[in-house]
């Protein structure tokens, strides 16, 4: 059995936590006994962590500075609306991966790039 774990760095963890709770319904648990402020992330079929950014971020125009995760959603358009309503930005609008899914990329409130995709064999 394989598993995936991801981490999100945030300038303002409380703002990032609020964003991801509202967009994906993730649950955040503050981990005690660590040398840094760290929250464990739990959601449907995923686990990860969120921590304070340890270094300054490069400007947005420099491109992706970390691993980009894409998350499966049931309704691309609905989730995209929530992302923008909660302060996220469109990095690359929705596009078809023919015969596989609808994909798009966004920038969260911490300038992290992430993607969402909706499986759809009819995507063209």
PDB file of N, CA and C in Angstrom:
ATOM      1  N   UNK A   1       0.844  -1.182   0.000  1.00  0.00           N
ATOM      2  CA  UNK A   1       0.000   0.000   0.000  1.00  0.00           C
ATOM      3  C   UNK A   1       0.885   1.239   0.000  1.00  0.00           C
ATOM      4  N   UNK A   2       0.631   2.159  -0.897  1.00  0.00           N
ATOM      5  CA  UNK A   2       1.408   3.388  -0.923  1.00  0.00           C
ATOM      6  C   UNK A   2       0.585   4.511  -0.302  1.00  0.00           C
ATOM      7  N   UNK A   3       1.292   5.510   0.189  1.00  0.00           N
ATOM      8  CA  UNK A   3       0.596   6.662   0.745  1.00  0.00           C
ATOM      9  C   UNK A   3       1.301   7.925   0.284  1.00  0.00           C
ATOM     10  N   UNK A   4       0.608   9.018   0.340  1.00  0.00           N
ATOM     11  CA  UNK A   4       1.146  10.310  -0.063  1.00  0.00           C
ATOM     12  C   UNK A   4       0.979  11.265   1.097  1.00  0.00           C
ATOM     13  N   UNK A   5       2.003  12.079   1.332  1.00  0.00           N
ATOM     14  CA  UNK A   5       1.959  13.101   2.373  1.00  0.00           C
ATOM     15  C   UNK A   5       2.475  14.381   1.752  1.00  0.00           C
ATOM     16  N   UNK A   6       1.837  15.466   2.021  1.00  0.00           N
ATOM     17  CA  UNK A   6       2.271  16.733   1.461  1.00  0.00           C
ATOM     18  C   UNK A   6       2.319  17.777   2.562  1.00  0.00           C
ATOM     19  N   UNK A   7       3.077  18.830   2.319  1.00  0.00           N
ATOM     20  CA  UNK A   7       3.156  19.935   3.270  1.00  0.00           C
ATOM     21  C   UNK A   7       2.944  21.256   2.546  1.00  0.00           C
ATOM     22  N   UNK A   8       2.246  22.142   3.211  1.00  0.00           N
ATOM     23  CA  UNK A   8       1.995  23.488   2.706  1.00  0.00           C
ATOM     24  C   UNK A   8       2.679  24.464   3.644  1.00  0.00           C
ATOM     25  N   UNK A   9       3.495  25.342   3.097  1.00  0.00           N
ATOM     26  CA  UNK A   9       4.107  26.396   3.904  1.00  0.00           C
ATOM     27  C   UNK A   9       3.250  27.653   3.777  1.00  0.00           C
ATOM     28  N   UNK A  10       3.097  28.373   4.874  1.00  0.00           N
ATOM     29  CA  UNK A  10       2.230  29.549   4.889  1.00  0.00           C
ATOM     30  C   UNK A  10       2.871  30.698   5.654  1.00  0.00           C
ATOM     31  N   UNK A  11       2.746  31.902   5.116  1.00  0.00           N
ATOM     32  CA  UNK A  11       3.197  33.094   5.853  1.00  0.00           C
ATOM     33  C   UNK A  11       2.303  33.338   7.050  1.00  0.00           C
ATOM     34  N   UNK A  12       0.992  33.111   6.860  1.00  0.00           N
ATOM     35  CA  UNK A  12       0.008  33.291   7.935  1.00  0.00           C
ATOM     36  C   UNK A  12      -0.798  32.002   8.049  1.00  0.00           C
ATOM     37  N   UNK A  13      -0.349  31.062   8.887  1.00  0.00           N
ATOM     38  CA  UNK A  13      -1.030  29.761   8.977  1.00  0.00           C
ATOM     39  C   UNK A  13      -2.527  29.849   9.236  1.00  0.00           C
ATOM     40  N   UNK A  14      -2.980  30.753  10.091  1.00  0.00           N
ATOM     41  CA  UNK A  14      -4.418  30.816  10.383  1.00  0.00           C
ATOM     42  C   UNK A  14      -5.213  31.177   9.132  1.00  0.00           C
ATOM     43  N   UNK A  15      -4.670  32.047   8.297  1.00  0.00           N
ATOM     44  CA  UNK A  15      -5.351  32.425   7.056  1.00  0.00           C
ATOM     45  C   UNK A  15      -5.392  31.228   6.104  1.00  0.00           C
ATOM     46  N   UNK A  16      -4.287  30.498   5.992  1.00  0.00           N
ATOM     47  CA  UNK A  16      -4.234  29.329   5.112  1.00  0.00           C
ATOM     48  C   UNK A  16      -5.179  28.231   5.603  1.00  0.00           C
ATOM     49  N   UNK A  17      -5.209  28.014   6.908  1.00  0.00           N
ATOM     50  CA  UNK A  17      -6.113  27.005   7.480  1.00  0.00           C
ATOM     51  C   UNK A  17      -7.553  27.347   7.147  1.00  0.00           C
ATOM     52  N   UNK A  18      -7.944  28.590   7.335  1.00  0.00           N
ATOM     53  CA  UNK A  18      -9.311  29.021   7.025  1.00  0.00           C
ATOM     54  C   UNK A  18      -9.628  28.776   5.549  1.00  0.00           C
ATOM     55  N   UNK A  19      -8.694  29.133   4.674  1.00  0.00           N
ATOM     56  CA  UNK A  19      -8.882  28.955   3.234  1.00  0.00           C
ATOM     57  C   UNK A  19      -9.142  27.490   2.894  1.00  0.00           C
ATOM     58  N   UNK A  20      -8.276  26.581   3.336  1.00  0.00           N
ATOM     59  CA  UNK A  20      -8.409  25.172   2.980  1.00  0.00           C
ATOM     60  C   UNK A  20      -9.572  24.487   3.690  1.00  0.00           C
ATOM     61  N   UNK A  21      -9.926  24.926   4.889  1.00  0.00           N
ATOM     62  CA  UNK A  21     -11.125  24.379   5.542  1.00  0.00           C
ATOM     63  C   UNK A  21     -12.356  24.687   4.697  1.00  0.00           C
ATOM     64  N   UNK A  22     -12.451  25.926   4.212  1.00  0.00           N
ATOM     65  CA  UNK A  22     -13.633  26.341   3.448  1.00  0.00           C
ATOM     66  C   UNK A  22     -13.653  25.764   2.044  1.00  0.00           C
ATOM     67  N   UNK A  23     -12.492  25.661   1.395  1.00  0.00           N
ATOM     68  CA  UNK A  23     -12.453  25.165   0.021  1.00  0.00           C
ATOM     69  C   UNK A  23     -12.644  23.656  -0.046  1.00  0.00           C
ATOM     70  N   UNK A  24     -11.914  22.889   0.778  1.00  0.00           N
ATOM     71  CA  UNK A  24     -11.936  21.428   0.677  1.00  0.00           C
ATOM     72  C   UNK A  24     -12.525  20.720   1.894  1.00  0.00           C
ATOM     73  N   UNK A  25     -12.843  21.446   2.963  1.00  0.00           N
ATOM     74  CA  UNK A  25     -13.379  20.812   4.163  1.00  0.00           C
ATOM     75  C   UNK A  25     -12.348  20.040   4.953  1.00  0.00           C
ATOM     76  N   UNK A  26     -11.064  20.356   4.760  1.00  0.00           N
ATOM     77  CA  UNK A  26     -10.002  19.665   5.491  1.00  0.00           C
ATOM     78  C   UNK A  26     -10.061  20.002   6.968  1.00  0.00           C
ATOM     79  N   UNK A  27      -9.592  19.073   7.797  1.00  0.00           N
ATOM     80  CA  UNK A  27      -9.497  19.261   9.247  1.00  0.00           C
ATOM     81  C   UNK A  27      -8.033  19.472   9.618  1.00  0.00           C
ATOM     82  N   UNK A  28      -7.781  20.433  10.486  1.00  0.00           N
ATOM     83  CA  UNK A  28      -6.421  20.767  10.916  1.00  0.00           C
ATOM     84  C   UNK A  28      -6.290  20.526  12.415  1.00  0.00           C
ATOM     85  N   UNK A  29      -5.228  19.838  12.804  1.00  0.00           N
ATOM     86  CA  UNK A  29      -4.955  19.560  14.208  1.00  0.00           C
ATOM     87  C   UNK A  29      -3.559  20.053  14.539  1.00  0.00           C
ATOM     88  N   UNK A  30      -3.476  20.965  15.501  1.00  0.00           N
ATOM     89  CA  UNK A  30      -2.162  21.478  15.921  1.00  0.00           C
ATOM     90  C   UNK A  30      -1.394  20.357  16.594  1.00  0.00           C
ATOM     91  N   UNK A  31      -0.166  20.137  16.131  1.00  0.00           N
ATOM     92  CA  UNK A  31       0.693  19.089  16.678  1.00  0.00           C
ATOM     93  C   UNK A  31       1.534  19.699  17.800  1.00  0.00           C
ATOM     94  N   UNK A  32       1.498  19.078  18.939  1.00  0.00           N
ATOM     95  CA  UNK A  32       2.266  19.558  20.090  1.00  0.00           C
ATOM     96  C   UNK A  32       3.616  18.855  20.116  1.00  0.00           C
ATOM     97  N   UNK A  33       4.495  19.335  20.924  1.00  0.00           N
ATOM     98  CA  UNK A  33       5.804  18.719  21.167  1.00  0.00           C
ATOM     99  C   UNK A  33       6.723  18.759  19.945  1.00  0.00           C
ATOM    100  N   UNK A  34       6.511  19.700  19.042  1.00  0.00           N
ATOM    101  CA  UNK A  34       7.388  19.871  17.898  1.00  0.00           C
ATOM    102  C   UNK A  34       8.150  21.185  18.055  1.00  0.00           C
ATOM    103  N   UNK A  35       9.336  21.295  17.444  1.00  0.00           N
ATOM    104  CA  UNK A  35      10.099  22.533  17.572  1.00  0.00           C
ATOM    105  C   UNK A  35       9.557  23.684  16.730  1.00  0.00           C
ATOM    106  N   UNK A  36       8.514  23.425  15.929  1.00  0.00           N
ATOM    107  CA  UNK A  36       7.887  24.454  15.099  1.00  0.00           C
ATOM    108  C   UNK A  36       6.376  24.363  15.259  1.00  0.00           C
ATOM    109  N   UNK A  37       5.678  25.434  14.879  1.00  0.00           N
ATOM    110  CA  UNK A  37       4.217  25.375  14.814  1.00  0.00           C
ATOM    111  C   UNK A  37       3.851  24.539  13.594  1.00  0.00           C
ATOM    112  N   UNK A  38       3.068  23.487  13.826  1.00  0.00           N
ATOM    113  CA  UNK A  38       2.763  22.536  12.765  1.00  0.00           C
ATOM    114  C   UNK A  38       1.355  21.989  12.970  1.00  0.00           C
ATOM    115  N   UNK A  39       0.602  21.933  11.861  1.00  0.00           N
ATOM    116  CA  UNK A  39      -0.755  21.389  11.900  1.00  0.00           C
ATOM    117  C   UNK A  39      -0.823  20.199  10.962  1.00  0.00           C
ATOM    118  N   UNK A  40      -1.407  19.117  11.448  1.00  0.00           N
ATOM    119  CA  UNK A  40      -1.650  17.944  10.606  1.00  0.00           C
ATOM    120  C   UNK A  40      -2.941  18.198   9.835  1.00  0.00           C
ATOM    121  N   UNK A  41      -2.935  17.838   8.565  1.00  0.00           N
ATOM    122  CA  UNK A  41      -4.088  18.004   7.689  1.00  0.00           C
ATOM    123  C   UNK A  41      -4.683  16.632   7.420  1.00  0.00           C
ATOM    124  N   UNK A  42      -5.999  16.535   7.579  1.00  0.00           N
ATOM    125  CA  UNK A  42      -6.691  15.302   7.235  1.00  0.00           C
ATOM    126  C   UNK A  42      -7.902  15.639   6.382  1.00  0.00           C
ATOM    127  N   UNK A  43      -8.062  14.869   5.321  1.00  0.00           N
ATOM    128  CA  UNK A  43      -9.198  15.027   4.426  1.00  0.00           C
ATOM    129  C   UNK A  43      -9.536  13.678   3.840  1.00  0.00           C
ATOM    130  N   UNK A  44     -10.495  13.659   2.942  1.00  0.00           N
ATOM    131  CA  UNK A  44     -10.869  12.406   2.296  1.00  0.00           C
ATOM    132  C   UNK A  44      -9.663  11.830   1.564  1.00  0.00           C
ATOM    133  N   UNK A  45      -9.170  10.700   2.041  1.00  0.00           N
ATOM    134  CA  UNK A  45      -8.096   9.950   1.402  1.00  0.00           C
ATOM    135  C   UNK A  45      -6.786  10.723   1.260  1.00  0.00           C
ATOM    136  N   UNK A  46      -6.509  11.674   2.151  1.00  0.00           N
ATOM    137  CA  UNK A  46      -5.228  12.363   2.108  1.00  0.00           C
ATOM    138  C   UNK A  46      -4.791  12.774   3.496  1.00  0.00           C
ATOM    139  N   UNK A  47      -3.488  12.899   3.667  1.00  0.00           N
ATOM    140  CA  UNK A  47      -2.925  13.453   4.892  1.00  0.00           C
ATOM    141  C   UNK A  47      -1.765  14.351   4.505  1.00  0.00           C
ATOM    142  N   UNK A  48      -1.555  15.371   5.300  1.00  0.00           N
ATOM    143  CA  UNK A  48      -0.474  16.299   5.033  1.00  0.00           C
ATOM    144  C   UNK A  48      -0.218  17.158   6.240  1.00  0.00           C
ATOM    145  N   UNK A  49       0.533  18.217   6.042  1.00  0.00           N
ATOM    146  CA  UNK A  49       0.850  19.130   7.122  1.00  0.00           C
ATOM    147  C   UNK A  49       0.939  20.557   6.630  1.00  0.00           C
ATOM    148  N   UNK A  50       0.800  21.479   7.556  1.00  0.00           N
ATOM    149  CA  UNK A  50       0.919  22.901   7.267  1.00  0.00           C
ATOM    150  C   UNK A  50       1.852  23.501   8.304  1.00  0.00           C
ATOM    151  N   UNK A  51       2.780  24.334   7.857  1.00  0.00           N
ATOM    152  CA  UNK A  51       3.729  24.956   8.763  1.00  0.00           C
ATOM    153  C   UNK A  51       4.029  26.378   8.339  1.00  0.00           C
ATOM    154  N   UNK A  52       4.554  27.149   9.270  1.00  0.00           N
ATOM    155  CA  UNK A  52       4.989  28.513   8.998  1.00  0.00           C
ATOM    156  C   UNK A  52       6.126  28.468   7.983  1.00  0.00           C
ATOM    157  N   UNK A  53       6.080  29.330   6.979  1.00  0.00           N
ATOM    158  CA  UNK A  53       7.167  29.380   5.998  1.00  0.00           C
ATOM    159  C   UNK A  53       8.475  29.731   6.691  1.00  0.00           C
ATOM    160  N   UNK A  54       9.519  28.923   6.478  1.00  0.00           N
ATOM    161  CA  UNK A  54      10.787  29.200   7.141  1.00  0.00           C
ATOM    162  C   UNK A  54      11.648  30.219   6.408  1.00  0.00           C
ATOM    163  N   UNK A  55      11.259  30.606   5.178  1.00  0.00           N
ATOM    164  CA  UNK A  55      12.056  31.538   4.389  1.00  0.00           C
ATOM    165  C   UNK A  55      11.134  32.395   3.541  1.00  0.00           C
ATOM    166  N   UNK A  56      11.625  33.544   3.082  1.00  0.00           N
ATOM    167  CA  UNK A  56      10.803  34.392   2.208  1.00  0.00           C
ATOM    168  C   UNK A  56      10.459  33.667   0.908  1.00  0.00           C
ATOM    169  N   UNK A  57       9.297  33.976   0.369  1.00  0.00           N
ATOM    170  CA  UNK A  57       8.878  33.407  -0.908  1.00  0.00           C
ATOM    171  C   UNK A  57       9.400  34.269  -2.049  1.00  0.00           C
ATOM    172  N   UNK A  58       9.693  33.648  -3.197  1.00  0.00           N
ATOM    173  CA  UNK A  58      10.057  34.456  -4.357  1.00  0.00           C
ATOM    174  C   UNK A  58       8.817  35.154  -4.904  1.00  0.00           C
ATOM    175  N   UNK A  59       8.985  36.181  -5.716  1.00  0.00           N
ATOM    176  CA  UNK A  59       7.821  36.859  -6.308  1.00  0.00           C
ATOM    177  C   UNK A  59       7.011  35.904  -7.178  1.00  0.00           C
ATOM    178  N   UNK A  60       5.726  36.221  -7.363  1.00  0.00           N
ATOM    179  CA  UNK A  60       4.842  35.370  -8.154  1.00  0.00           C
ATOM    180  C   UNK A  60       5.378  35.114  -9.558  1.00  0.00           C
ATOM    181  N   UNK A  61       6.014  36.081 -10.163  1.00  0.00           N
ATOM    182  CA  UNK A  61       6.484  35.956 -11.540  1.00  0.00           C
ATOM    183  C   UNK A  61       7.607  34.936 -11.702  1.00  0.00           C
ATOM    184  N   UNK A  62       8.134  34.393 -10.620  1.00  0.00           N
ATOM    185  CA  UNK A  62       9.243  33.436 -10.687  1.00  0.00           C
ATOM    186  C   UNK A  62       8.776  32.015 -10.938  1.00  0.00           C
ATOM    187  N   UNK A  63       7.492  31.763 -10.959  1.00  0.00           N
ATOM    188  CA  UNK A  63       6.983  30.424 -11.212  1.00  0.00           C
ATOM    189  C   UNK A  63       6.879  29.605  -9.940  1.00  0.00           C
ATOM    190  N   UNK A  64       6.607  28.327 -10.115  1.00  0.00           N
ATOM    191  CA  UNK A  64       6.408  27.417  -9.001  1.00  0.00           C
ATOM    192  C   UNK A  64       7.709  27.217  -8.240  1.00  0.00           C
ATOM    193  N   UNK A  65       7.633  27.314  -6.916  1.00  0.00           N
ATOM    194  CA  UNK A  65       8.833  27.140  -6.102  1.00  0.00           C
ATOM    195  C   UNK A  65       8.732  25.916  -5.204  1.00  0.00           C
ATOM    196  N   UNK A  66       7.768  25.032  -5.470  1.00  0.00           N
ATOM    197  CA  UNK A  66       7.579  23.846  -4.642  1.00  0.00           C
ATOM    198  C   UNK A  66       6.816  22.802  -5.444  1.00  0.00           C
ATOM    199  N   UNK A  67       6.647  21.644  -4.847  1.00  0.00           N
ATOM    200  CA  UNK A  67       5.853  20.585  -5.446  1.00  0.00           C
ATOM    201  C   UNK A  67       4.407  21.044  -5.558  1.00  0.00           C
ATOM    202  N   UNK A  68       3.796  20.876  -6.703  1.00  0.00           N
ATOM    203  CA  UNK A  68       2.410  21.276  -6.905  1.00  0.00           C
ATOM    204  C   UNK A  68       1.519  20.054  -6.766  1.00  0.00           C
ATOM    205  N   UNK A  69       0.574  20.126  -5.877  1.00  0.00           N
ATOM    206  CA  UNK A  69      -0.404  19.054  -5.684  1.00  0.00           C
ATOM    207  C   UNK A  69      -1.691  19.426  -6.404  1.00  0.00           C
ATOM    208  N   UNK A  70      -2.331  18.452  -7.004  1.00  0.00           N
ATOM    209  CA  UNK A  70      -3.658  18.644  -7.589  1.00  0.00           C
ATOM    210  C   UNK A  70      -4.628  17.736  -6.852  1.00  0.00           C
ATOM    211  N   UNK A  71      -5.816  18.265  -6.593  1.00  0.00           N
ATOM    212  CA  UNK A  71      -6.811  17.568  -5.796  1.00  0.00           C
ATOM    213  C   UNK A  71      -8.055  17.280  -6.629  1.00  0.00           C
ATOM    214  N   UNK A  72      -8.523  16.037  -6.551  1.00  0.00           N
ATOM    215  CA  UNK A  72      -9.735  15.650  -7.258  1.00  0.00           C
ATOM    216  C   UNK A  72     -10.945  16.274  -6.587  1.00  0.00           C
ATOM    217  N   UNK A  73     -11.848  16.821  -7.410  1.00  0.00           N
ATOM    218  CA  UNK A  73     -13.091  17.413  -6.911  1.00  0.00           C
ATOM    219  C   UNK A  73     -14.256  16.850  -7.717  1.00  0.00           C
ATOM    220  N   UNK A  74     -15.449  16.931  -7.144  1.00  0.00           N
ATOM    221  CA  UNK A  74     -16.644  16.444  -7.838  1.00  0.00           C
ATOM    222  C   UNK A  74     -17.195  17.447  -8.839  1.00  0.00           C
ATOM    223  N   UNK A  75     -16.987  18.747  -8.562  1.00  0.00           N
ATOM    224  CA  UNK A  75     -17.539  19.801  -9.422  1.00  0.00           C
ATOM    225  C   UNK A  75     -16.501  20.906  -9.553  1.00  0.00           C
ATOM    226  N   UNK A  76     -15.762  20.889 -10.657  1.00  0.00           N
ATOM    227  CA  UNK A  76     -14.682  21.855 -10.857  1.00  0.00           C
ATOM    228  C   UNK A  76     -15.173  23.289 -10.701  1.00  0.00           C
ATOM    229  N   UNK A  77     -16.241  23.631 -11.415  1.00  0.00           N
ATOM    230  CA  UNK A  77     -16.706  25.022 -11.435  1.00  0.00           C
ATOM    231  C   UNK A  77     -17.123  25.512 -10.048  1.00  0.00           C
ATOM    232  N   UNK A  78     -17.792  24.668  -9.295  1.00  0.00           N
ATOM    233  CA  UNK A  78     -18.234  25.053  -7.948  1.00  0.00           C
ATOM    234  C   UNK A  78     -17.030  25.304  -7.033  1.00  0.00           C
ATOM    235  N   UNK A  79     -16.059  24.398  -7.063  1.00  0.00           N
ATOM    236  CA  UNK A  79     -14.874  24.557  -6.211  1.00  0.00           C
ATOM    237  C   UNK A  79     -14.064  25.775  -6.657  1.00  0.00           C
ATOM    238  N   UNK A  80     -13.953  26.005  -7.969  1.00  0.00           N
ATOM    239  CA  UNK A  80     -13.233  27.181  -8.468  1.00  0.00           C
ATOM    240  C   UNK A  80     -13.871  28.471  -7.950  1.00  0.00           C
ATOM    241  N   UNK A  81     -15.195  28.509  -7.895  1.00  0.00           N
ATOM    242  CA  UNK A  81     -15.893  29.687  -7.367  1.00  0.00           C
ATOM    243  C   UNK A  81     -15.557  29.908  -5.900  1.00  0.00           C
ATOM    244  N   UNK A  82     -15.522  28.833  -5.104  1.00  0.00           N
ATOM    245  CA  UNK A  82     -15.187  28.950  -3.683  1.00  0.00           C
ATOM    246  C   UNK A  82     -13.742  29.432  -3.526  1.00  0.00           C
ATOM    247  N   UNK A  83     -12.839  28.885  -4.317  1.00  0.00           N
ATOM    248  CA  UNK A  83     -11.436  29.300  -4.246  1.00  0.00           C
ATOM    249  C   UNK A  83     -11.326  30.801  -4.437  1.00  0.00           C
ATOM    250  N   UNK A  84     -11.938  31.326  -5.471  1.00  0.00           N
ATOM    251  CA  UNK A  84     -11.854  32.763  -5.743  1.00  0.00           C
ATOM    252  C   UNK A  84     -12.567  33.575  -4.671  1.00  0.00           C
ATOM    253  N   UNK A  85     -13.698  33.093  -4.173  1.00  0.00           N
ATOM    254  CA  UNK A  85     -14.435  33.807  -3.123  1.00  0.00           C
ATOM    255  C   UNK A  85     -13.630  33.891  -1.827  1.00  0.00           C
ATOM    256  N   UNK A  86     -12.756  32.907  -1.602  1.00  0.00           N
ATOM    257  CA  UNK A  86     -11.955  32.874  -0.374  1.00  0.00           C
ATOM    258  C   UNK A  86     -10.581  33.521  -0.545  1.00  0.00           C
ATOM    259  N   UNK A  87     -10.362  34.208  -1.653  1.00  0.00           N
ATOM    260  CA  UNK A  87      -9.122  34.950  -1.837  1.00  0.00           C
ATOM    261  C   UNK A  87      -8.100  34.278  -2.729  1.00  0.00           C
ATOM    262  N   UNK A  88      -8.420  33.118  -3.300  1.00  0.00           N
ATOM    263  CA  UNK A  88      -7.505  32.468  -4.228  1.00  0.00           C
ATOM    264  C   UNK A  88      -7.567  33.132  -5.596  1.00  0.00           C
ATOM    265  N   UNK A  89      -6.558  32.867  -6.404  1.00  0.00           N
ATOM    266  CA  UNK A  89      -6.471  33.448  -7.741  1.00  0.00           C
ATOM    267  C   UNK A  89      -6.321  32.331  -8.773  1.00  0.00           C
ATOM    268  N   UNK A  90      -6.811  32.575  -9.979  1.00  0.00           N
ATOM    269  CA  UNK A  90      -6.633  31.629 -11.074  1.00  0.00           C
ATOM    270  C   UNK A  90      -5.216  31.780 -11.607  1.00  0.00           C
ATOM    271  N   UNK A  91      -4.460  30.686 -11.653  1.00  0.00           N
ATOM    272  CA  UNK A  91      -3.120  30.699 -12.238  1.00  0.00           C
ATOM    273  C   UNK A  91      -3.174  30.207 -13.687  1.00  0.00           C
ATOM    274  N   UNK A  92      -4.023  29.202 -13.944  1.00  0.00           N
ATOM    275  CA  UNK A  92      -4.239  28.676 -15.291  1.00  0.00           C
ATOM    276  C   UNK A  92      -5.678  28.203 -15.347  1.00  0.00           C
ATOM    277  N   UNK A  93      -6.496  28.840 -16.188  1.00  0.00           N
ATOM    278  CA  UNK A  93      -7.923  28.498 -16.220  1.00  0.00           C
ATOM    279  C   UNK A  93      -8.189  27.041 -16.581  1.00  0.00           C
ATOM    280  N   UNK A  94      -9.395  26.618 -16.288  1.00  0.00           N
ATOM    281  CA  UNK A  94      -9.868  25.261 -16.574  1.00  0.00           C
ATOM    282  C   UNK A  94      -9.572  24.880 -18.025  1.00  0.00           C
ATOM    283  N   UNK A  95      -9.045  23.663 -18.203  1.00  0.00           N
ATOM    284  CA  UNK A  95      -8.787  23.148 -19.533  1.00  0.00           C
ATOM    285  C   UNK A  95      -9.037  21.635 -19.523  1.00  0.00           C
ATOM    286  N   UNK A  96      -9.276  21.092 -20.699  1.00  0.00           N
ATOM    287  CA  UNK A  96      -9.538  19.659 -20.824  1.00  0.00           C
ATOM    288  C   UNK A  96      -8.233  18.892 -20.978  1.00  0.00           C
ATOM    289  N   UNK A  97      -8.106  17.817 -20.235  1.00  0.00           N
ATOM    290  CA  UNK A  97      -7.111  16.788 -20.514  1.00  0.00           C
ATOM    291  C   UNK A  97      -7.945  15.734 -21.240  1.00  0.00           C
ATOM    292  N   UNK A  98      -7.898  15.718 -22.572  1.00  0.00           N
ATOM    293  CA  UNK A  98      -8.864  14.949 -23.366  1.00  0.00           C
ATOM    294  C   UNK A  98      -9.033  13.498 -22.912  1.00  0.00           C
ATOM    295  N   UNK A  99     -10.312  13.176 -22.682  1.00  0.00           N
ATOM    296  CA  UNK A  99     -10.678  11.819 -22.282  1.00  0.00           C
ATOM    297  C   UNK A  99     -10.363  11.465 -20.843  1.00  0.00           C
ATOM    298  N   UNK A 100      -9.829  12.442 -20.062  1.00  0.00           N
ATOM    299  CA  UNK A 100      -9.429  12.140 -18.686  1.00  0.00           C
ATOM    300  C   UNK A 100     -10.121  13.044 -17.664  1.00  0.00           C
ATOM    301  N   UNK A 101      -9.953  14.358 -17.801  1.00  0.00           N
ATOM    302  CA  UNK A 101     -10.469  15.249 -16.755  1.00  0.00           C
ATOM    303  C   UNK A 101     -10.468  16.699 -17.207  1.00  0.00           C
ATOM    304  N   UNK A 102     -11.056  17.530 -16.360  1.00  0.00           N
ATOM    305  CA  UNK A 102     -10.933  18.983 -16.440  1.00  0.00           C
ATOM    306  C   UNK A 102      -9.915  19.383 -15.380  1.00  0.00           C
ATOM    307  N   UNK A 103      -8.946  20.199 -15.739  1.00  0.00           N
ATOM    308  CA  UNK A 103      -7.846  20.572 -14.847  1.00  0.00           C
ATOM    309  C   UNK A 103      -7.721  22.094 -14.832  1.00  0.00           C
ATOM    310  N   UNK A 104      -7.243  22.630 -13.743  1.00  0.00           N
ATOM    311  CA  UNK A 104      -6.924  24.049 -13.639  1.00  0.00           C
ATOM    312  C   UNK A 104      -5.987  24.259 -12.472  1.00  0.00           C
ATOM    313  N   UNK A 105      -5.318  25.414 -12.462  1.00  0.00           N
ATOM    314  CA  UNK A 105      -4.369  25.734 -11.401  1.00  0.00           C
ATOM    315  C   UNK A 105      -4.725  27.062 -10.764  1.00  0.00           C
ATOM    316  N   UNK A 106      -4.447  27.151  -9.473  1.00  0.00           N
ATOM    317  CA  UNK A 106      -4.799  28.316  -8.683  1.00  0.00           C
ATOM    318  C   UNK A 106      -3.643  28.709  -7.779  1.00  0.00           C
ATOM    319  N   UNK A 107      -3.733  29.901  -7.226  1.00  0.00           N
ATOM    320  CA  UNK A 107      -2.779  30.376  -6.228  1.00  0.00           C
ATOM    321  C   UNK A 107      -3.581  30.634  -4.963  1.00  0.00           C
ATOM    322  N   UNK A 108      -3.159  30.034  -3.856  1.00  0.00           N
ATOM    323  CA  UNK A 108      -3.894  30.209  -2.601  1.00  0.00           C
ATOM    324  C   UNK A 108      -3.510  31.523  -1.927  1.00  0.00           C
ATOM    325  N   UNK A 109      -4.017  31.739  -0.735  1.00  0.00           N
ATOM    326  CA  UNK A 109      -3.766  32.990  -0.012  1.00  0.00           C
ATOM    327  C   UNK A 109      -2.321  33.144   0.433  1.00  0.00           C
ATOM    328  N   UNK A 110      -1.518  32.087   0.294  1.00  0.00           N
ATOM    329  CA  UNK A 110      -0.107  32.123   0.697  1.00  0.00           C
ATOM    330  C   UNK A 110       0.827  32.095  -0.512  1.00  0.00           C
ATOM    331  N   UNK A 111       0.277  32.327  -1.708  1.00  0.00           N
ATOM    332  CA  UNK A 111       1.018  32.305  -2.973  1.00  0.00           C
ATOM    333  C   UNK A 111       1.529  30.919  -3.354  1.00  0.00           C
ATOM    334  N   UNK A 112       0.887  29.863  -2.837  1.00  0.00           N
ATOM    335  CA  UNK A 112       1.207  28.498  -3.242  1.00  0.00           C
ATOM    336  C   UNK A 112       0.360  28.134  -4.456  1.00  0.00           C
ATOM    337  N   UNK A 113       0.977  27.500  -5.441  1.00  0.00           N
ATOM    338  CA  UNK A 113       0.248  27.019  -6.608  1.00  0.00           C
ATOM    339  C   UNK A 113      -0.290  25.622  -6.312  1.00  0.00           C
ATOM    340  N   UNK A 114      -1.551  25.378  -6.663  1.00  0.00           N
ATOM    341  CA  UNK A 114      -2.146  24.049  -6.536  1.00  0.00           C
ATOM    342  C   UNK A 114      -3.144  23.857  -7.659  1.00  0.00           C
ATOM    343  N   UNK A 115      -3.478  22.613  -7.941  1.00  0.00           N
ATOM    344  CA  UNK A 115      -4.435  22.326  -8.992  1.00  0.00           C
ATOM    345  C   UNK A 115      -5.650  21.608  -8.461  1.00  0.00           C
ATOM    346  N   UNK A 116      -6.723  21.681  -9.239  1.00  0.00           N
ATOM    347  CA  UNK A 116      -7.896  20.844  -8.987  1.00  0.00           C
ATOM    348  C   UNK A 116      -8.242  20.176 -10.316  1.00  0.00           C
ATOM    349  N   UNK A 117      -8.822  18.974 -10.218  1.00  0.00           N
ATOM    350  CA  UNK A 117      -9.255  18.300 -11.432  1.00  0.00           C
ATOM    351  C   UNK A 117     -10.548  17.541 -11.161  1.00  0.00           C
ATOM    352  N   UNK A 118     -11.377  17.493 -12.197  1.00  0.00           N
ATOM    353  CA  UNK A 118     -12.636  16.751 -12.156  1.00  0.00           C
ATOM    354  C   UNK A 118     -12.568  15.663 -13.223  1.00  0.00           C
ATOM    355  N   UNK A 119     -12.532  14.385 -12.814  1.00  0.00           N
ATOM    356  CA  UNK A 119     -12.497  13.316 -13.799  1.00  0.00           C
ATOM    357  C   UNK A 119     -13.712  13.396 -14.734  1.00  0.00           C
ATOM    358  N   UNK A 120     -13.459  13.239 -16.042  1.00  0.00           N
ATOM    359  CA  UNK A 120     -14.535  13.272 -17.018  1.00  0.00           C
ATOM    360  C   UNK A 120     -13.995  12.687 -18.312  1.00  0.00           C
ATOM    361  N   UNK A 121     -14.413  11.476 -18.649  1.00  0.00           N
ATOM    362  CA  UNK A 121     -13.942  10.830 -19.870  1.00  0.00           C
ATOM    363  C   UNK A 121     -14.402  11.578 -21.112  1.00  0.00           C
ATOM    364  N   UNK A 122     -15.408  12.453 -20.979  1.00  0.00           N
ATOM    365  CA  UNK A 122     -15.910  13.224 -22.102  1.00  0.00           C
ATOM    366  C   UNK A 122     -15.202  14.569 -22.274  1.00  0.00           C
ATOM    367  N   UNK A 123     -14.249  14.873 -21.417  1.00  0.00           N
ATOM    368  CA  UNK A 123     -13.533  16.157 -21.506  1.00  0.00           C
ATOM    369  C   UNK A 123     -12.829  16.257 -22.848  1.00  0.00           C
ATOM    370  N   UNK A 124     -13.043  17.377 -23.497  1.00  0.00           N
ATOM    371  CA  UNK A 124     -12.423  17.623 -24.829  1.00  0.00           C
ATOM    372  C   UNK A 124     -12.049  19.071 -24.950  1.00  0.00           C
TER     373      UNK A 124
END
